Amino acid sequence: MLDLVVLTYFVCCGLARLARYNATVAALPTDQNGKVRYFEGTPIPTTLLIVGVLAYGVHYGKFWRFANPMYQHEGPFASFSQAFTPEFVWGGEISILPGYEFHPLVLMYGISGTLMISRRLRIPKP
């Protein structure tokens, strides 16, 4: 449940970042060609770094262990119930309250979302 809160925050940050850019693009400083000189916050495509980290983890077996007999489940989501168990996810699992676990790996989404909506972070456009 707590992971869902952080992931929902990430999606909302992406939406807010795009909406803010569209609403303020006319007021941002431009170069001689009329193009905006910098991004406020990280651009949306920087989230590909997260995809790269997850791809690396999947490639090197940091998430998926299908041969584990302890977690053999039936049904369409069996692979997910086997894959995302505390001993397979980087950082493990932290129990906040009974029934509420948190995976520290999800914090990279929270950090990325926060950087997307930052007004102080200015990244020059190429």
Protein backbone atom coordinates (compact mmCIF):
# COMPACT_ATOMS: atom_id res chain seq x y z
CA MET A 1 0.00 0.00 0.00
CA LEU A 2 2.76 2.46 0.87
CA ASP A 3 4.51 1.65 -2.40
CA LEU A 4 1.32 2.61 -4.23
CA VAL A 5 1.30 5.99 -2.49
CA VAL A 6 4.86 6.73 -3.67
CA LEU A 7 4.17 5.47 -7.20
CA THR A 8 0.97 7.54 -7.41
CA TYR A 9 2.99 10.56 -6.25
CA PHE A 10 5.47 9.88 -9.09
CA VAL A 11 2.72 9.81 -11.72
CA CYS A 12 1.14 12.99 -10.30
CA CYS A 13 4.55 14.72 -10.39
CA GLY A 14 4.93 13.80 -14.06
CA LEU A 15 1.49 15.22 -14.83
CA ALA A 16 2.16 18.36 -12.81
CA ARG A 17 5.52 18.86 -14.52
CA LEU A 18 3.98 18.65 -17.99
CA ALA A 19 1.08 20.91 -17.01
CA ARG A 20 3.40 23.50 -15.46
CA TYR A 21 5.63 23.53 -18.52
CA ASN A 22 2.68 24.05 -20.86
CA ALA A 23 1.26 26.80 -18.65
CA THR A 24 4.54 28.71 -18.16
CA VAL A 25 6.41 28.13 -21.43
CA ALA A 26 5.49 31.61 -22.69
CA ALA A 27 6.96 33.26 -19.58
CA LEU A 28 10.28 31.37 -19.56
CA PRO A 29 13.43 33.06 -20.91
CA THR A 30 14.20 32.21 -24.53
CA ASP A 31 17.27 32.35 -26.77
CA GLN A 32 17.53 34.30 -30.05
CA ASN A 33 15.64 31.51 -31.89
CA GLY A 34 12.70 31.66 -29.48
CA LYS A 35 13.47 28.34 -27.78
CA VAL A 36 13.29 27.98 -24.01
CA ARG A 37 16.82 27.93 -22.56
CA TYR A 38 16.33 25.49 -19.68
CA PHE A 39 14.03 22.96 -18.09
CA GLU A 40 12.59 23.70 -14.66
CA GLY A 41 12.96 20.37 -12.92
CA THR A 42 14.15 17.25 -14.66
CA PRO A 43 12.54 16.49 -18.02
CA ILE A 44 10.18 13.52 -18.21
CA PRO A 45 12.60 11.41 -20.35
CA THR A 46 15.08 11.30 -17.45
CA THR A 47 12.86 8.63 -15.93
CA LEU A 48 14.47 6.29 -18.45
CA LEU A 49 17.30 6.07 -15.92
CA ILE A 50 14.89 4.23 -13.62
CA VAL A 51 13.99 1.88 -16.46
CA GLY A 52 17.73 1.26 -16.96
CA VAL A 53 18.21 0.43 -13.27
CA LEU A 54 15.27 -1.97 -13.33
CA ALA A 55 16.44 -3.57 -16.60
CA TYR A 56 19.88 -4.10 -15.07
CA GLY A 57 18.28 -5.72 -12.04
CA VAL A 58 16.10 -8.03 -14.11
CA HIS A 59 19.02 -8.98 -16.35
CA TYR A 60 21.21 -9.93 -13.40
CA GLY A 61 18.46 -11.73 -11.47
CA LYS A 62 17.87 -9.09 -8.82
CA PHE A 63 14.08 -9.40 -9.07
CA TRP A 64 12.96 -12.53 -10.85
CA ARG A 65 13.38 -16.00 -9.38
CA PHE A 66 10.84 -18.31 -10.99
CA ALA A 67 12.31 -21.52 -9.61
CA ASN A 68 11.58 -20.72 -5.96
CA PRO A 69 9.21 -23.41 -4.65
CA MET A 70 8.21 -21.32 -1.60
CA TYR A 71 6.31 -18.89 -3.80
CA GLN A 72 4.74 -21.15 -6.42
CA HIS A 73 1.30 -19.71 -7.09
CA GLU A 74 -1.28 -20.33 -9.77
CA GLY A 75 -2.99 -17.75 -11.92
CA PRO A 76 -2.10 -14.93 -14.29
CA PHE A 77 -0.10 -12.96 -11.70
CA ALA A 78 1.94 -15.88 -10.40
CA SER A 79 5.20 -14.48 -11.74
CA PHE A 80 4.65 -11.19 -9.91
CA SER A 81 3.94 -12.86 -6.59
CA GLN A 82 7.15 -14.84 -7.02
CA ALA A 83 9.23 -11.93 -8.25
CA PHE A 84 8.47 -9.21 -5.76
CA THR A 85 9.22 -10.96 -2.52
CA PRO A 86 11.42 -9.28 0.10
CA GLU A 87 14.47 -11.44 -0.50
CA PHE A 88 14.53 -10.69 -4.24
CA VAL A 89 13.96 -6.91 -4.33
CA TRP A 90 16.96 -4.62 -3.83
CA GLY A 91 16.72 -3.05 -0.40
CA GLY A 92 14.30 -5.71 0.81
CA GLU A 93 11.11 -4.80 2.57
CA ILE A 94 10.45 -2.65 5.63
CA SER A 95 7.36 -3.30 7.73
CA ILE A 96 6.00 0.06 8.86
CA LEU A 97 2.79 -1.19 10.51
CA PRO A 98 1.24 -4.65 10.51
CA GLY A 99 0.05 -5.19 6.95
CA TYR A 100 1.90 -2.14 5.58
CA GLU A 101 5.22 -2.92 4.00
CA PHE A 102 7.47 -0.56 2.10
CA HIS A 103 10.18 -1.36 -0.44
CA PRO A 104 13.04 1.19 -0.30
CA LEU A 105 13.63 0.62 -4.04
CA VAL A 106 10.45 2.64 -4.63
CA LEU A 107 12.18 5.71 -3.19
CA MET A 108 13.93 6.25 -6.53
CA TYR A 109 10.48 7.02 -7.97
CA GLY A 110 9.77 9.46 -5.15
CA ILE A 111 13.11 11.21 -5.66
CA SER A 112 12.65 11.33 -9.43
CA GLY A 113 9.15 12.79 -9.03
CA THR A 114 10.38 15.43 -6.61
CA LEU A 115 13.17 16.42 -9.00
CA MET A 116 10.64 16.68 -11.86
CA ILE A 117 8.56 19.29 -10.07
CA SER A 118 11.46 21.25 -8.58
CA ARG A 119 11.37 24.92 -9.55
CA ARG A 120 14.93 25.56 -8.35
CA LEU A 121 16.53 22.84 -10.46
CA ARG A 122 17.28 24.29 -13.89
CA ILE A 123 18.74 22.07 -16.57
CA PRO A 124 20.00 23.78 -19.75
CA LYS A 125 18.38 22.53 -22.93
CA PRO A 126 20.76 21.27 -25.61
